[in-house]
Amino acid sequence: MKIALIGTHGVGKTTLCFDLAARLKRLDRGVHLVTEVARDCPLPINRDTTLDAQTWILHTQCAREIAGEASGDVVVCDRSVLDNYAYLVHALGRRPELDPWIHRWCETYSGLFKVPLWQKPRFDGTRDTDLAFQSEIDAVIDRLVAEFGVSARRLDRAHPDGWVNEILSSLELPLEPPQRALFEES
């Protein structure tokens, strides 16, 4: 099973990935976490990105997902190829030579979950904090989801504390560890 959290920067995807991975571990699932690839990119990102930078990010994302699938029974991805591609599209426009690959790769996810724009980005040393840029990327992601016909569940903006349960429920996974019942009083 491969799960990806998609969305613009600064909306809490990384925190949610770690929360989800911890919850899955408590459910006795083997978990491999694919952290945000852009943070490791040796080339410019954000508004200064280039085709080379985005190509590096896309290929590295796929490679890490493949490695994760080989090592864990659940892969949790902080981003997907789709929202990484959104940064390329925002900067340089659609790339017809990449579209079929991106579309096909989106089919490899068991679930894509769109983290809504609900908070402004905080400076973390890597990501851009400009609100307009954050909103523009969010709009590009929504447009790509629609244009590729990708199924992405939108998490409820009003209830971020319930997002892990929302994801687990939509994947038909238990909300509590099965062992809990063994220790509850009758």
Protein backbone atom coordinates (compact mmCIF):
# COMPACT_ATOMS: atom_id res chain seq x y z
CA MET A 1 0.00 0.00 0.00
CA LYS A 2 1.36 3.42 -0.96
CA ILE A 3 -0.21 6.57 0.45
CA ALA A 4 0.74 10.12 -0.54
CA LEU A 5 -0.20 13.39 1.07
CA ILE A 6 -0.40 16.11 -1.53
CA GLY A 7 -0.74 19.85 -1.28
CA THR A 8 1.12 23.10 -1.38
CA HIS A 9 4.00 23.83 0.96
CA GLY A 10 3.43 24.92 4.54
CA VAL A 11 0.09 23.20 5.15
CA GLY A 12 1.30 20.50 7.53
CA LYS A 13 1.92 17.53 5.23
CA THR A 14 5.18 16.58 6.91
CA THR A 15 3.70 16.62 10.41
CA LEU A 16 0.70 14.65 9.15
CA CYS A 17 3.01 12.09 7.49
CA PHE A 18 4.82 11.45 10.75
CA ASP A 19 1.52 11.25 12.69
CA LEU A 20 0.09 8.82 10.14
CA ALA A 21 3.26 6.68 10.10
CA ALA A 22 3.25 6.50 13.91
CA ARG A 23 -0.39 5.47 13.94
CA LEU A 24 0.23 2.80 11.30
CA LYS A 25 3.13 1.43 13.37
CA ARG A 26 0.75 1.15 16.36
CA LEU A 27 -1.51 -0.87 14.05
CA ASP A 28 1.41 -3.31 13.57
CA ARG A 29 2.06 -2.22 10.00
CA GLY A 30 5.55 -2.04 8.55
CA VAL A 31 5.96 1.56 7.47
CA HIS A 32 8.44 3.24 5.17
CA LEU A 33 8.31 7.04 5.14
CA VAL A 34 9.32 8.90 1.99
CA THR A 35 10.20 12.35 3.25
CA GLU A 36 9.94 15.48 1.14
CA VAL A 37 12.46 15.09 -1.66
CA ALA A 38 12.74 18.80 -2.53
CA ARG A 39 14.57 19.42 0.76
CA ASP A 40 17.45 17.28 -0.51
CA CYS A 41 17.62 18.85 -3.97
CA PRO A 42 21.04 20.36 -4.68
CA LEU A 43 19.49 22.77 -7.19
CA PRO A 44 17.21 25.81 -6.76
CA ILE A 45 13.64 25.18 -5.64
CA ASN A 46 10.60 27.33 -4.88
CA ARG A 47 10.20 30.31 -7.23
CA ASP A 48 13.79 29.94 -8.46
CA THR A 49 13.38 26.34 -9.59
CA THR A 50 14.62 25.05 -12.91
CA LEU A 51 13.75 22.17 -15.21
CA ASP A 52 16.86 20.33 -13.98
CA ALA A 53 15.84 20.81 -10.34
CA GLN A 54 12.31 19.59 -10.91
CA THR A 55 13.50 16.65 -13.02
CA TRP A 56 15.87 15.68 -10.18
CA ILE A 57 12.99 15.94 -7.68
CA LEU A 58 10.58 13.86 -9.79
CA HIS A 59 13.07 11.08 -10.47
CA THR A 60 14.26 11.00 -6.87
CA GLN A 61 10.65 10.85 -5.63
CA CYS A 62 9.97 7.81 -7.82
CA ALA A 63 13.22 6.10 -6.80
CA ARG A 64 12.48 6.58 -3.11
CA GLU A 65 8.94 5.27 -3.53
CA ILE A 66 10.25 2.16 -5.31
CA ALA A 67 12.76 1.60 -2.50
CA GLY A 68 10.03 2.11 0.08
CA GLU A 69 7.75 -0.43 -1.53
CA ALA A 70 10.57 -2.97 -1.33
CA SER A 71 11.09 -2.39 2.39
CA GLY A 72 7.73 -1.72 4.00
CA ASP A 73 4.20 -2.93 3.75
CA VAL A 74 2.88 0.65 3.86
CA VAL A 75 4.71 3.51 2.17
CA VAL A 76 3.72 6.98 3.39
CA CYS A 77 4.87 9.75 1.05
CA ASP A 78 5.29 13.39 1.99
CA ARG A 79 4.20 14.54 -1.50
CA SER A 80 3.64 12.63 -4.70
CA VAL A 81 4.89 13.05 -8.24
CA LEU A 82 1.73 15.08 -8.95
CA ASP A 83 2.31 17.90 -6.48
CA ASN A 84 6.04 17.89 -7.20
CA TYR A 85 5.11 18.29 -10.88
CA ALA A 86 2.92 21.26 -9.92
CA TYR A 87 6.03 23.27 -9.02
CA LEU A 88 7.49 22.54 -12.46
CA VAL A 89 4.21 23.48 -14.17
CA HIS A 90 3.99 26.69 -12.15
CA ALA A 91 7.51 27.74 -13.14
CA LEU A 92 7.82 26.42 -16.68
CA GLY A 93 4.43 25.19 -17.89
CA ARG A 94 3.24 21.69 -18.69
CA ARG A 95 5.73 19.31 -20.22
CA PRO A 96 3.92 17.05 -22.71
CA GLU A 97 6.78 14.54 -22.57
CA LEU A 98 6.29 14.16 -18.79
CA ASP A 99 2.48 14.12 -18.65
CA PRO A 100 2.01 10.41 -19.51
CA TRP A 101 4.62 9.36 -16.93
CA ILE A 102 3.10 11.55 -14.21
CA HIS A 103 -0.40 10.29 -15.02
CA ARG A 104 0.70 6.64 -14.99
CA TRP A 105 2.67 7.08 -11.78
CA CYS A 106 -0.39 8.57 -10.04
CA GLU A 107 -2.11 5.23 -10.57
CA THR A 108 0.49 3.54 -8.33
CA TYR A 109 -0.85 5.21 -5.18
CA SER A 110 -3.42 3.37 -3.07
CA GLY A 111 -4.59 6.73 -1.84
CA LEU A 112 -3.84 10.38 -2.54
CA PHE A 113 -4.96 12.79 0.18
CA LYS A 114 -5.09 16.52 -0.50
CA VAL A 115 -4.11 18.57 2.52
CA PRO A 116 -6.04 21.83 2.20
CA LEU A 117 -4.65 25.31 2.34
CA TRP A 118 -5.51 26.12 5.96
CA GLN A 119 -2.47 27.84 7.41
CA LYS A 120 0.23 30.13 6.14
CA PRO A 121 3.74 28.75 5.69
CA ARG A 122 6.28 29.29 8.44
CA PHE A 123 9.93 29.88 7.71
CA ASP A 124 11.80 26.58 8.00
CA GLY A 125 14.97 27.45 6.12
CA THR A 126 13.83 25.76 2.90
CA ARG A 127 10.30 26.59 1.80
CA ASP A 128 9.04 29.90 0.49
CA THR A 129 6.77 31.86 2.88
CA ASP A 130 5.04 34.04 0.28
CA LEU A 131 1.26 33.55 0.63
CA ALA A 132 0.56 34.28 -3.04
CA PHE A 133 3.07 31.62 -4.13
CA GLN A 134 1.58 29.12 -1.68
CA SER A 135 -1.92 29.78 -3.09
CA GLU A 136 -0.71 29.60 -6.69
CA ILE A 137 0.85 26.17 -6.14
CA ASP A 138 -2.33 24.98 -4.40
CA ALA A 139 -4.37 26.07 -7.44
CA VAL A 140 -1.97 24.31 -9.85
CA ILE A 141 -2.26 21.09 -7.82
CA ASP A 142 -6.07 21.27 -7.94
CA ARG A 143 -5.94 21.91 -11.69
CA LEU A 144 -3.60 18.95 -12.29
CA VAL A 145 -5.77 16.64 -10.17
CA ALA A 146 -8.75 17.59 -12.34
CA GLU A 147 -6.90 17.48 -15.68
CA PHE A 148 -5.29 14.09 -14.97
CA GLY A 149 -8.56 12.73 -13.59
CA VAL A 150 -6.76 11.61 -10.47
CA SER A 151 -8.74 10.47 -7.47
CA ALA A 152 -7.55 12.53 -4.51
CA ARG A 153 -9.54 12.70 -1.32
CA ARG A 154 -9.70 16.23 0.07
CA LEU A 155 -9.18 16.29 3.81
CA ASP A 156 -11.68 18.33 5.84
CA ARG A 157 -10.17 21.78 6.31
CA ALA A 158 -12.21 22.36 9.46
CA HIS A 159 -10.91 19.27 11.30
CA PRO A 160 -7.13 18.87 10.97
CA ASP A 161 -7.02 16.92 14.24
CA GLY A 162 -9.14 14.22 12.59
CA TRP A 163 -7.10 13.82 9.42
CA VAL A 164 -5.29 10.64 10.47
CA ASN A 165 -8.62 8.96 11.29
CA GLU A 166 -10.08 10.26 8.01
CA ILE A 167 -7.20 8.71 6.05
CA LEU A 168 -7.31 5.39 7.92
CA SER A 169 -11.09 5.13 7.51
CA SER A 170 -10.99 5.86 3.80
CA LEU A 171 -8.37 3.11 3.37
CA GLU A 172 -10.54 0.75 5.44
CA LEU A 173 -7.84 0.39 8.08
CA PRO A 174 -8.67 0.07 11.79
CA LEU A 175 -8.55 3.17 13.96
CA GLU A 176 -7.28 1.28 17.00
CA PRO A 177 -4.68 -1.47 17.40
CA PRO A 178 -6.29 -4.92 17.42
CA GLN A 179 -4.42 -5.79 20.62
CA ARG A 180 -6.19 -3.05 22.57
CA ALA A 181 -9.24 -5.28 23.05
CA LEU A 182 -7.04 -7.89 24.75
CA PHE A 183 -6.20 -5.45 27.55
CA GLU A 184 -9.55 -3.81 28.11
CA GLU A 185 -11.61 -4.87 31.09
CA SER A 186 -14.69 -6.90 30.42
